[in-house]
N, C-alpha and C. Protein backbone atom coordinates (compact mmCIF):
# COMPACT_ATOMS: atom_id res chain seq x y z
N UNK A 1 30.02 -20.59 -29.69
CA UNK A 1 29.18 -20.46 -30.31
C UNK A 1 28.44 -22.45 -30.31
N UNK A 2 29.42 -23.48 -30.44
CA UNK A 2 29.73 -24.65 -30.49
C UNK A 2 28.24 -25.06 -28.86
N UNK A 3 28.36 -24.17 -28.13
CA UNK A 3 27.92 -24.58 -26.81
C UNK A 3 26.65 -23.92 -26.86
N UNK A 4 26.07 -22.90 -27.73
CA UNK A 4 24.64 -22.50 -27.86
C UNK A 4 24.36 -23.46 -28.68
N UNK A 5 24.86 -23.30 -29.88
CA UNK A 5 23.67 -24.66 -30.74
C UNK A 5 23.40 -25.73 -30.00
N UNK A 6 24.75 -26.43 -29.29
CA UNK A 6 24.12 -27.63 -29.46
C UNK A 6 22.78 -27.42 -27.70
N UNK A 7 23.56 -26.60 -27.02
CA UNK A 7 22.39 -26.32 -25.74
C UNK A 7 21.47 -26.41 -26.45
N UNK A 8 20.92 -25.40 -27.57
CA UNK A 8 19.69 -25.15 -28.23
C UNK A 8 19.19 -26.23 -28.46
N UNK A 9 20.19 -27.00 -29.44
CA UNK A 9 19.06 -28.28 -29.75
C UNK A 9 18.82 -29.17 -28.45
N UNK A 10 19.43 -29.34 -28.08
CA UNK A 10 19.11 -30.35 -26.83
C UNK A 10 17.99 -29.70 -26.20
N UNK A 11 18.16 -28.70 -25.66
CA UNK A 11 17.61 -27.69 -24.87
C UNK A 11 15.60 -28.18 -25.50
N UNK A 12 16.19 -27.56 -26.95
CA UNK A 12 14.62 -28.03 -27.59
C UNK A 12 14.36 -29.17 -27.71
N UNK A 13 14.59 -30.23 -27.39
CA UNK A 13 14.47 -31.26 -27.35
C UNK A 13 13.69 -31.90 -26.22
N UNK A 14 14.29 -31.43 -25.38
CA UNK A 14 14.19 -31.39 -23.58
C UNK A 14 12.75 -30.89 -24.15
N UNK A 15 12.16 -29.84 -24.27
CA UNK A 15 11.08 -29.09 -24.40
C UNK A 15 10.17 -29.86 -25.06
N UNK A 16 10.23 -30.46 -25.92
CA UNK A 16 9.58 -30.77 -27.20
C UNK A 16 9.34 -32.18 -26.32
N UNK A 17 10.34 -32.91 -25.44
CA UNK A 17 9.37 -34.61 -25.15
C UNK A 17 8.60 -33.78 -23.77
N UNK A 18 8.74 -32.81 -22.97
CA UNK A 18 8.11 -32.50 -21.96
C UNK A 18 6.55 -32.05 -22.17
N UNK A 19 6.39 -31.31 -23.86
CA UNK A 19 5.32 -31.42 -23.99
C UNK A 19 4.56 -32.01 -24.60
N UNK A 20 5.10 -33.12 -25.26
CA UNK A 20 4.91 -34.54 -25.61
C UNK A 20 3.87 -35.40 -24.56
N UNK A 21 4.83 -35.17 -23.80
CA UNK A 21 4.37 -35.80 -22.48
C UNK A 21 3.16 -35.30 -21.66
N UNK A 22 3.00 -34.05 -21.56
CA UNK A 22 2.49 -33.43 -21.00
C UNK A 22 1.58 -33.67 -21.66
N UNK A 23 0.84 -33.56 -22.91
CA UNK A 23 -0.57 -33.52 -23.79
C UNK A 23 -1.02 -34.55 -23.91
N UNK A 24 0.14 -35.69 -23.96
CA UNK A 24 -0.27 -36.99 -24.36
C UNK A 24 -0.19 -37.93 -23.30
N UNK A 25 0.74 -38.20 -23.00
CA UNK A 25 0.61 -39.15 -22.15
C UNK A 25 0.32 -39.17 -20.62
N UNK A 26 0.89 -37.98 -20.23
CA UNK A 26 0.86 -37.33 -18.90
C UNK A 26 -1.04 -37.20 -18.69
N UNK A 27 -1.16 -36.68 -20.04
CA UNK A 27 -2.60 -35.97 -20.24
C UNK A 27 -2.79 -34.96 -19.23
N UNK A 28 -2.21 -34.36 -18.93
CA UNK A 28 -2.24 -32.90 -18.06
C UNK A 28 -3.06 -32.32 -18.92
N UNK A 29 -3.98 -31.66 -19.60
CA UNK A 29 -4.31 -31.00 -20.39
C UNK A 29 -6.11 -31.39 -20.04
N UNK A 30 -6.30 -32.20 -20.27
CA UNK A 30 -7.71 -33.07 -20.17
C UNK A 30 -8.85 -31.99 -19.85
N UNK A 31 -8.55 -31.32 -18.92
CA UNK A 31 -9.52 -30.52 -18.24
C UNK A 31 -10.30 -29.72 -19.36
N UNK A 32 -9.27 -29.17 -20.42
CA UNK A 32 -9.36 -27.87 -21.36
C UNK A 32 -9.75 -28.74 -22.78
N UNK A 33 -9.43 -30.08 -22.94
CA UNK A 33 -10.33 -30.37 -24.31
C UNK A 33 -10.99 -32.09 -24.05
N UNK A 34 -11.75 -31.68 -23.15
CA UNK A 34 -12.62 -33.17 -22.53
C UNK A 34 -13.17 -33.33 -23.82
N UNK A 35 -13.88 -34.27 -23.32
CA UNK A 35 -15.09 -35.17 -24.58
C UNK A 35 -16.16 -34.99 -23.78
N UNK A 36 -17.44 -34.64 -24.79
CA UNK A 36 -18.55 -34.82 -24.66
C UNK A 36 -19.50 -35.71 -25.61
N UNK A 37 -20.30 -36.36 -25.40
CA UNK A 37 -20.84 -37.71 -26.03
C UNK A 37 -22.22 -37.41 -27.28
N UNK A 38 -22.28 -36.04 -26.52
CA UNK A 38 -23.49 -34.87 -27.95
C UNK A 38 -22.39 -34.06 -28.49
N UNK A 39 -20.91 -34.43 -28.98
CA UNK A 39 -20.40 -33.29 -29.84
C UNK A 39 -20.62 -33.51 -31.11
N UNK A 40 -21.35 -34.62 -32.00
CA UNK A 40 -22.25 -34.73 -33.36
C UNK A 40 -23.08 -33.25 -33.31
N UNK A 41 -24.20 -32.99 -32.19
CA UNK A 41 -25.17 -32.42 -32.27
C UNK A 41 -24.57 -31.04 -32.05
N UNK A 42 -23.61 -30.76 -30.99
CA UNK A 42 -23.14 -28.99 -30.69
C UNK A 42 -22.29 -29.01 -31.88
N UNK A 43 -21.49 -30.05 -32.84
CA UNK A 43 -20.56 -29.46 -33.76
C UNK A 43 -21.73 -28.79 -34.87
N UNK A 44 -22.35 -29.96 -34.89
CA UNK A 44 -23.73 -29.66 -36.68
C UNK A 44 -24.83 -28.15 -35.65
N UNK A 45 -24.75 -27.93 -34.76
CA UNK A 45 -25.42 -26.93 -34.37
C UNK A 45 -24.94 -25.66 -34.19
N UNK A 46 -23.55 -25.84 -33.93
CA UNK A 46 -22.57 -24.69 -34.59
C UNK A 46 -22.00 -24.45 -36.04
N UNK A 47 -22.20 -25.51 -36.73
CA UNK A 47 -22.23 -25.41 -38.13
C UNK A 47 -23.08 -24.27 -38.99
N UNK A 48 -23.93 -24.65 -38.02
CA UNK A 48 -25.47 -23.93 -38.69
C UNK A 48 -26.02 -22.56 -38.37
N UNK A 49 -25.22 -22.65 -36.85
CA UNK A 49 -25.32 -20.81 -36.46
C UNK A 49 -24.62 -20.42 -36.48
N UNK A 50 -23.07 -20.57 -37.32
CA UNK A 50 -22.15 -19.34 -36.99
C UNK A 50 -21.76 -19.79 -38.09
N UNK A 51 -21.64 -18.24 -38.92
CA UNK A 51 -21.23 -17.52 -40.34
C UNK A 51 -19.97 -17.94 -40.85
N UNK A 52 -18.91 -17.51 -39.39
CA UNK A 52 -17.71 -18.25 -40.03
C UNK A 52 -16.47 -18.44 -38.67
N UNK A 53 -15.23 -18.48 -39.54
CA UNK A 53 -14.87 -18.90 -38.56
C UNK A 53 -14.32 -18.06 -37.41
N UNK A 54 -14.26 -18.11 -36.25
CA UNK A 54 -13.54 -17.46 -35.46
C UNK A 54 -13.49 -17.44 -34.17
N UNK A 55 -13.14 -16.63 -33.42
CA UNK A 55 -13.38 -16.52 -31.63
C UNK A 55 -14.21 -15.99 -31.40
N UNK A 56 -15.31 -16.75 -30.12
CA UNK A 56 -16.41 -16.22 -29.71
C UNK A 56 -16.46 -16.39 -28.41
N UNK A 57 -17.11 -15.41 -27.58
CA UNK A 57 -17.64 -15.23 -26.11
C UNK A 57 -18.69 -14.64 -26.38
N UNK A 58 -19.44 -15.63 -25.40
CA UNK A 58 -20.87 -15.46 -25.49
C UNK A 58 -20.92 -15.53 -24.11
N UNK A 59 -22.19 -14.71 -23.07
CA UNK A 59 -22.75 -13.83 -24.50
C UNK A 59 -21.30 -12.43 -24.13
N UNK A 60 -22.02 -11.70 -25.60
CA UNK A 60 -20.67 -10.77 -25.81
C UNK A 60 -22.04 -9.51 -26.26
N UNK A 61 -21.59 -7.95 -26.65
CA UNK A 61 -22.54 -7.46 -27.51
C UNK A 61 -21.83 -7.41 -28.72
N UNK A 62 -22.27 -6.73 -29.66
CA UNK A 62 -21.97 -6.84 -30.67
C UNK A 62 -20.97 -5.83 -31.16
N UNK A 63 -20.09 -5.72 -32.06
CA UNK A 63 -19.36 -4.85 -32.67
C UNK A 63 -19.41 -3.26 -32.51
N UNK A 64 -19.08 -1.65 -31.60
CA UNK A 64 -19.57 -0.33 -31.73
C UNK A 64 -20.78 -0.40 -30.76
N UNK A 65 -20.95 -1.59 -30.08
CA UNK A 65 -21.83 -0.87 -29.23
C UNK A 65 -20.85 -0.22 -27.51
N UNK A 66 -21.75 0.60 -26.89
CA UNK A 66 -21.59 1.14 -26.26
C UNK A 66 -21.22 0.76 -24.69
N UNK A 67 -19.97 1.39 -24.04
CA UNK A 67 -19.60 0.76 -22.88
C UNK A 67 -20.74 0.60 -21.67
N UNK A 68 -22.11 1.45 -21.64
CA UNK A 68 -23.20 0.69 -20.96
C UNK A 68 -23.94 -0.14 -21.17
N UNK A 69 -24.24 -0.24 -23.07
CA UNK A 69 -24.82 -1.57 -23.30
C UNK A 69 -24.04 -2.62 -22.58
N UNK A 70 -21.99 -2.71 -22.82
CA UNK A 70 -21.58 -4.08 -22.62
C UNK A 70 -22.16 -3.98 -20.82
N UNK A 71 -21.64 -2.68 -20.55
CA UNK A 71 -21.68 -2.95 -18.64
C UNK A 71 -23.47 -3.48 -18.16
N UNK A 72 -24.11 -3.02 -18.82
CA UNK A 72 -25.09 -3.89 -18.31
C UNK A 72 -25.70 -5.79 -19.02
N UNK A 73 -25.26 -5.69 -20.35
CA UNK A 73 -24.75 -7.41 -20.30
C UNK A 73 -24.27 -7.72 -19.53
N UNK A 74 -22.87 -7.56 -19.13
CA UNK A 74 -22.47 -7.98 -18.07
C UNK A 74 -22.92 -8.15 -16.89
N UNK A 75 -23.53 -6.97 -16.14
CA UNK A 75 -24.61 -7.09 -15.17
C UNK A 75 -25.51 -8.37 -15.25
N UNK A 76 -26.37 -8.48 -16.41
CA UNK A 76 -27.46 -9.31 -16.92
C UNK A 76 -26.90 -10.53 -16.80
N UNK A 77 -25.56 -10.96 -16.95
CA UNK A 77 -25.09 -12.24 -17.33
C UNK A 77 -24.35 -12.73 -15.47
N UNK A 78 -23.83 -11.83 -14.52
CA UNK A 78 -23.77 -12.77 -13.40
C UNK A 78 -24.14 -13.69 -12.91
N UNK A 79 -23.33 -14.57 -12.78
CA UNK A 79 -24.04 -16.31 -12.60
C UNK A 79 -24.46 -17.17 -13.66
N UNK A 80 -24.68 -16.79 -14.28
CA UNK A 80 -25.49 -17.24 -15.60
C UNK A 80 -23.92 -18.02 -16.49
N UNK A 81 -24.47 -19.04 -17.03
CA UNK A 81 -23.66 -19.89 -18.28
C UNK A 81 -22.81 -18.83 -19.05
N UNK A 82 -21.22 -18.91 -19.69
CA UNK A 82 -20.66 -18.31 -20.42
C UNK A 82 -19.89 -19.17 -21.35
N UNK A 83 -19.29 -18.60 -22.47
CA UNK A 83 -18.45 -19.94 -23.02
C UNK A 83 -17.95 -19.11 -24.27
N UNK A 84 -16.36 -19.56 -24.61
CA UNK A 84 -15.41 -19.17 -25.26
C UNK A 84 -15.43 -20.09 -26.01
N UNK A 85 -15.85 -19.53 -27.89
CA UNK A 85 -15.70 -21.25 -29.02
C UNK A 85 -13.98 -20.66 -30.10
N UNK A 86 -13.42 -21.18 -30.36
CA UNK A 86 -12.81 -21.04 -31.20
C UNK A 86 -12.89 -22.31 -32.37
N UNK A 87 -13.87 -21.43 -33.04
CA UNK A 87 -14.39 -22.15 -33.96
C UNK A 87 -14.13 -22.48 -35.49
N UNK A 88 -13.61 -23.39 -36.01
CA UNK A 88 -13.20 -23.51 -37.54
C UNK A 88 -14.07 -24.26 -38.37
N UNK A 89 -14.48 -23.96 -39.61
CA UNK A 89 -15.08 -25.02 -40.68
C UNK A 89 -14.33 -25.68 -40.93
N UNK A 90 -13.43 -26.46 -41.28
CA UNK A 90 -12.83 -27.38 -41.54
C UNK A 90 -11.27 -27.87 -40.52
N UNK A 91 -11.74 -29.30 -40.22
CA UNK A 91 -10.47 -29.89 -39.13
C UNK A 91 -8.90 -29.72 -40.47
N UNK A 92 -7.83 -29.14 -40.29
CA UNK A 92 -6.68 -29.41 -41.17
C UNK A 92 -5.69 -29.97 -40.49
N UNK A 93 -5.36 -31.36 -40.50
CA UNK A 93 -4.45 -31.95 -39.30
C UNK A 93 -3.28 -32.35 -40.49
N UNK A 94 -1.99 -31.74 -39.96
CA UNK A 94 -0.78 -31.33 -40.44
C UNK A 94 0.25 -32.17 -39.47
N UNK A 95 0.10 -32.98 -38.54
CA UNK A 95 0.86 -33.43 -36.97
C UNK A 95 2.22 -33.28 -37.90
N UNK A 96 3.09 -33.89 -38.46
CA UNK A 96 4.34 -33.48 -38.79
C UNK A 96 4.48 -32.58 -39.33
N UNK A 97 4.19 -31.75 -39.81
CA UNK A 97 4.61 -29.61 -39.86
C UNK A 97 4.51 -29.11 -38.89
N UNK A 98 3.08 -29.42 -37.88
CA UNK A 98 3.25 -29.00 -36.72
C UNK A 98 4.35 -29.60 -35.34
N UNK A 99 4.53 -30.85 -35.29
CA UNK A 99 5.47 -30.66 -34.53
C UNK A 99 7.29 -29.96 -35.33
N UNK A 100 7.41 -29.85 -36.24
CA UNK A 100 8.58 -29.12 -36.74
C UNK A 100 8.26 -27.76 -36.41
N UNK A 101 6.78 -27.22 -36.48
CA UNK A 101 7.24 -26.22 -36.35
C UNK A 101 7.26 -25.19 -35.18
N UNK A 102 7.00 -26.83 -33.78
CA UNK A 102 7.06 -26.21 -32.77
C UNK A 102 8.46 -26.74 -32.43
N UNK A 103 9.73 -27.82 -32.68
CA UNK A 103 11.09 -28.06 -32.49
C UNK A 103 11.42 -26.76 -32.80
N UNK A 104 11.18 -26.14 -33.57
CA UNK A 104 12.04 -24.62 -34.45
C UNK A 104 11.64 -24.32 -33.49
N UNK A 105 10.43 -23.76 -32.78
CA UNK A 105 10.04 -22.27 -31.90
C UNK A 105 10.89 -22.69 -30.75
N UNK A 106 11.05 -23.84 -30.35
CA UNK A 106 11.45 -24.72 -29.36
C UNK A 106 13.11 -24.33 -29.07
N UNK A 107 13.56 -24.87 -30.37
CA UNK A 107 15.12 -24.16 -30.40
C UNK A 107 15.22 -23.02 -30.49
N UNK A 108 14.60 -21.76 -31.13
CA UNK A 108 14.63 -20.80 -31.17
C UNK A 108 14.84 -20.04 -29.57
N UNK A 109 13.84 -20.71 -28.97
CA UNK A 109 13.47 -19.53 -27.71
C UNK A 109 14.56 -20.43 -26.85
N UNK A 110 15.27 -21.33 -26.84
CA UNK A 110 16.41 -21.44 -26.02
C UNK A 110 17.66 -21.22 -26.25
N UNK A 111 18.12 -20.87 -27.86
CA UNK A 111 18.86 -19.98 -28.50
C UNK A 111 18.54 -18.93 -27.94
N UNK A 112 17.58 -18.42 -27.90
CA UNK A 112 17.88 -16.61 -27.00
C UNK A 112 18.18 -17.12 -25.37
N UNK A 113 18.02 -18.01 -24.42
CA UNK A 113 18.05 -17.98 -23.50
C UNK A 113 19.62 -18.35 -23.22
N UNK A 114 20.29 -18.83 -24.48
CA UNK A 114 21.56 -19.49 -24.15
C UNK A 114 22.08 -17.89 -24.71
N UNK A 115 21.87 -17.36 -25.37
CA UNK A 115 22.77 -15.73 -25.31
C UNK A 115 22.19 -14.89 -24.42
N UNK A 116 21.12 -14.76 -23.45
CA UNK A 116 21.19 -14.13 -22.60
C UNK A 116 21.81 -14.53 -21.57
N UNK A 117 21.78 -16.11 -21.29
CA UNK A 117 22.58 -16.98 -20.20
C UNK A 117 24.54 -16.54 -21.05
N UNK A 118 24.57 -16.51 -21.47
CA UNK A 118 26.20 -16.12 -22.41
C UNK A 118 26.57 -14.20 -21.73
N UNK A 119 25.85 -13.59 -21.52
CA UNK A 119 26.15 -12.06 -21.46
C UNK A 119 25.65 -11.95 -19.71
N UNK A 120 25.72 -12.85 -18.82
CA UNK A 120 26.12 -13.03 -17.50
C UNK A 120 28.05 -13.01 -17.27
N UNK A 121 28.21 -12.31 -16.45
CA UNK A 121 29.77 -12.48 -16.14
C UNK A 121 29.81 -13.28 -15.35
N UNK A 122 28.64 -13.73 -14.41
CA UNK A 122 29.47 -14.54 -13.44
C UNK A 122 28.28 -16.13 -13.50
N UNK A 123 28.09 -16.52 -14.33
CA UNK A 123 27.30 -17.62 -14.62
C UNK A 123 27.52 -18.69 -13.99
N UNK A 124 26.93 -19.35 -13.59
CA UNK A 124 27.19 -21.26 -13.21
C UNK A 124 25.99 -21.88 -13.40
N UNK A 125 26.19 -23.07 -12.52
CA UNK A 125 24.88 -23.85 -12.61
C UNK A 125 23.97 -23.11 -12.21
N UNK A 126 23.78 -23.04 -11.45
CA UNK A 126 22.80 -22.26 -10.41
C UNK A 126 21.76 -20.61 -10.79
N UNK A 127 22.55 -20.58 -11.66
CA UNK A 127 22.45 -19.42 -12.06
C UNK A 127 21.70 -19.59 -13.14
N UNK A 128 21.99 -20.20 -13.95
CA UNK A 128 21.18 -20.95 -15.33
C UNK A 128 19.84 -21.58 -14.81
N UNK A 129 20.23 -22.64 -14.19
CA UNK A 129 18.63 -23.22 -13.54
C UNK A 129 18.22 -22.49 -13.05
N UNK A 130 18.27 -21.25 -12.19
CA UNK A 130 17.42 -20.38 -11.53
C UNK A 130 17.01 -19.70 -13.20
N UNK A 131 17.92 -19.29 -13.97
CA UNK A 131 17.80 -18.05 -14.93
C UNK A 131 16.91 -18.43 -15.77
N UNK A 132 16.79 -19.73 -15.91
CA UNK A 132 15.80 -20.71 -16.85
C UNK A 132 14.63 -20.83 -15.94
N UNK A 133 14.40 -21.59 -14.81
CA UNK A 133 13.09 -21.51 -13.75
C UNK A 133 12.42 -19.99 -14.51
N UNK A 134 13.18 -18.73 -14.34
CA UNK A 134 12.42 -18.00 -14.21
C UNK A 134 11.58 -17.12 -15.64
N UNK A 135 12.20 -17.89 -16.47
CA UNK A 135 11.85 -17.69 -17.60
C UNK A 135 10.68 -18.61 -18.41
N UNK A 136 10.51 -19.69 -16.98
CA UNK A 136 9.22 -20.24 -17.38
C UNK A 136 7.78 -19.69 -16.64
N UNK A 137 8.63 -19.17 -15.64
CA UNK A 137 7.78 -18.63 -14.81
C UNK A 137 7.22 -17.13 -15.67
N UNK A 138 8.40 -16.34 -15.95
CA UNK A 138 7.92 -15.30 -16.69
C UNK A 138 7.18 -15.36 -18.11
N UNK A 139 6.61 -17.12 -18.75
CA UNK A 139 6.26 -17.36 -19.87
C UNK A 139 4.52 -17.64 -19.42
N UNK A 140 4.68 -18.36 -18.21
CA UNK A 140 3.67 -19.21 -17.43
C UNK A 140 2.43 -17.99 -17.00
N UNK A 141 3.38 -16.80 -16.15
CA UNK A 141 2.71 -15.50 -15.51
C UNK A 141 1.75 -14.58 -16.89
N UNK A 142 2.99 -14.39 -17.81
CA UNK A 142 2.44 -13.59 -18.95
C UNK A 142 1.65 -13.89 -20.13
N UNK A 143 1.17 -15.62 -19.93
CA UNK A 143 0.36 -15.63 -21.07
C UNK A 143 -0.91 -16.78 -20.32
N UNK A 144 -0.52 -17.96 -19.75
CA UNK A 144 -1.47 -19.04 -19.36
C UNK A 144 -2.40 -18.32 -18.42
N UNK A 145 -1.21 -17.52 -17.04
CA UNK A 145 -2.11 -17.33 -15.96
C UNK A 145 -2.90 -15.69 -16.42
N UNK A 146 -2.25 -15.00 -16.99
CA UNK A 146 -3.39 -13.63 -17.68
C UNK A 146 -4.00 -14.10 -18.36
N UNK A 147 -4.08 -15.75 -19.44
CA UNK A 147 -5.54 -15.51 -19.91
C UNK A 147 -6.47 -15.84 -18.77
N UNK A 148 -5.94 -16.52 -17.32
CA UNK A 148 -6.98 -17.57 -16.90
C UNK A 148 -7.58 -16.78 -15.99
N UNK A 149 -6.81 -15.08 -15.97
CA UNK A 149 -7.79 -14.35 -14.98
C UNK A 149 -8.77 -14.00 -15.70
N UNK A 150 -9.11 -13.68 -17.16
CA UNK A 150 -10.08 -13.12 -17.74
C UNK A 150 -11.02 -14.81 -18.06
N UNK A 151 -10.42 -15.24 -18.30
CA UNK A 151 -11.23 -16.90 -19.37
C UNK A 151 -11.25 -17.38 -18.29
N UNK A 152 -10.68 -18.07 -17.02
CA UNK A 152 -11.19 -18.72 -16.26
C UNK A 152 -10.84 -19.91 -16.96
N UNK A 153 -9.20 -20.84 -17.73
CA UNK A 153 -8.89 -21.97 -18.63
C UNK A 153 -8.79 -22.88 -17.35
N UNK A 154 -9.43 -24.04 -17.79
CA UNK A 154 -9.48 -25.24 -16.70
C UNK A 154 -7.92 -26.17 -16.43
N UNK A 155 -7.53 -26.00 -17.55
CA UNK A 155 -5.77 -26.49 -17.35
C UNK A 155 -4.96 -25.71 -16.70
N UNK A 156 -5.57 -24.74 -16.13
CA UNK A 156 -4.17 -23.68 -15.60
C UNK A 156 -3.12 -24.65 -14.83
N UNK A 157 -3.16 -25.17 -14.06
CA UNK A 157 -2.09 -25.96 -13.66
C UNK A 157 -1.67 -26.57 -14.10
N UNK A 158 -2.10 -27.33 -15.08
CA UNK A 158 -0.95 -27.95 -15.99
C UNK A 158 -0.43 -26.75 -16.86
N UNK A 159 -0.70 -25.95 -16.90
CA UNK A 159 0.13 -24.95 -17.22
C UNK A 159 1.44 -24.55 -16.59
N UNK A 160 0.79 -24.87 -15.47
CA UNK A 160 2.12 -24.21 -14.29
C UNK A 160 2.94 -25.75 -14.42
N UNK A 161 2.46 -26.58 -14.24
CA UNK A 161 3.91 -27.75 -13.64
C UNK A 161 4.22 -27.88 -15.22
N UNK A 162 3.97 -27.31 -16.27
CA UNK A 162 4.35 -27.42 -17.43
C UNK A 162 5.85 -26.66 -17.58
N UNK A 163 5.23 -25.07 -16.78
CA UNK A 163 6.60 -24.27 -17.20
C UNK A 163 7.88 -24.59 -15.88
N UNK A 164 7.51 -25.42 -15.04
CA UNK A 164 8.15 -25.38 -13.76
C UNK A 164 9.28 -27.00 -14.34
N UNK A 165 8.14 -27.69 -14.92
CA UNK A 165 8.95 -29.20 -15.21
C UNK A 165 9.72 -28.60 -16.32
N UNK A 166 9.25 -28.44 -17.51
CA UNK A 166 10.15 -28.51 -18.71
C UNK A 166 11.30 -27.01 -18.33
N UNK A 167 11.09 -26.12 -17.65
CA UNK A 167 12.32 -25.20 -17.69
C UNK A 167 13.24 -25.47 -16.74
N UNK A 168 12.36 -26.07 -15.61
CA UNK A 168 13.27 -26.98 -14.94
C UNK A 168 14.23 -27.40 -15.61
N UNK A 169 14.07 -28.36 -16.18
CA UNK A 169 14.79 -29.62 -16.68
C UNK A 169 15.70 -29.04 -17.73
N UNK A 170 15.23 -28.16 -18.50
CA UNK A 170 16.08 -27.63 -19.14
C UNK A 170 17.32 -26.97 -18.84
N UNK A 171 16.85 -26.20 -17.37
CA UNK A 171 17.64 -25.31 -16.71
C UNK A 171 18.81 -25.93 -16.08
N UNK A 172 18.45 -27.60 -15.89
CA UNK A 172 19.38 -28.36 -15.42
C UNK A 172 20.50 -28.53 -16.28
N UNK A 173 19.71 -28.67 -17.74
CA UNK A 173 20.96 -29.28 -18.85
C UNK A 173 21.34 -28.11 -18.92
N UNK A 174 20.97 -27.11 -19.79
CA UNK A 174 21.59 -25.62 -19.84
C UNK A 174 23.01 -25.34 -17.95
N UNK A 175 22.47 -25.77 -17.49
CA UNK A 175 23.38 -25.44 -16.19
C UNK A 175 24.70 -25.98 -16.06
N UNK A 176 24.47 -27.76 -16.21
CA UNK A 176 25.38 -28.42 -16.89
C UNK A 176 26.31 -28.16 -17.99
N UNK A 177 25.50 -28.34 -18.80
CA UNK A 177 26.55 -27.82 -20.77
C UNK A 177 27.32 -26.73 -20.49
N UNK A 178 26.62 -25.48 -20.22
CA UNK A 178 27.01 -24.16 -20.94
C UNK A 178 27.76 -23.74 -19.60
N UNK A 179 28.26 -24.47 -18.54
CA UNK A 179 29.53 -24.31 -17.90
C UNK A 179 30.10 -25.21 -17.33
N UNK A 180 29.87 -26.16 -18.68
CA UNK A 180 31.49 -27.21 -18.63
C UNK A 180 32.72 -26.45 -19.07
N UNK A 181 33.59 -26.78 -18.74
CA UNK A 181 34.81 -26.58 -19.32
C UNK A 181 35.90 -27.43 -20.00
N UNK A 182 35.18 -27.11 -21.52
CA UNK A 182 35.80 -27.71 -22.32
C UNK A 182 36.56 -27.47 -23.79
N UNK A 183 36.81 -28.05 -24.37
CA UNK A 183 37.38 -27.34 -25.54
C UNK A 183 36.63 -26.74 -26.75
N UNK A 184 35.05 -27.76 -26.38
CA UNK A 184 34.28 -26.31 -26.67
C UNK A 184 34.27 -24.90 -26.07
N UNK A 185 34.45 -24.56 -25.45
CA UNK A 185 34.42 -23.26 -24.88
C UNK A 185 34.07 -22.52 -25.87
N UNK A 186 33.91 -22.38 -26.99
CA UNK A 186 34.37 -21.08 -27.97
C UNK A 186 32.62 -20.38 -28.16
């Protein structure tokens, strides 16, 4: 149990540090959150024309439209611009609480991975490393890449780098930590 708790805490720190580096110092996700000097006028236009907070895909048909109407709009839209918007009426900025929430999620995710690894009959360093990498690949394919298939996100390579780097580093840590032969083996 001590091994899983310590493994989870240190693993969560590894994920957290990589996430910080990826989104800030390395700026890998810039392509999906770039700057435009027209941001003030765009925000003013959206504020004046969107009635409520929400996610918007444009062009799109109104709720309740028939399949034929959606197909016609899709056919007319080929080769033309399109946009997805996540519109919020008020920026909420609570960096401290967001960081705590992310860290707690990281602890939980790594604890689940430790639990799964503890069920392997013949676990060793490489099994742990490869398993951790496969978790990263599963997360990437089932979230970022699946979204990219439909909405062509601009930072898809950054998400792949994140998956390989942070889950690989976590796998190295857990491979060493969980497979040590010490008094903490409980």
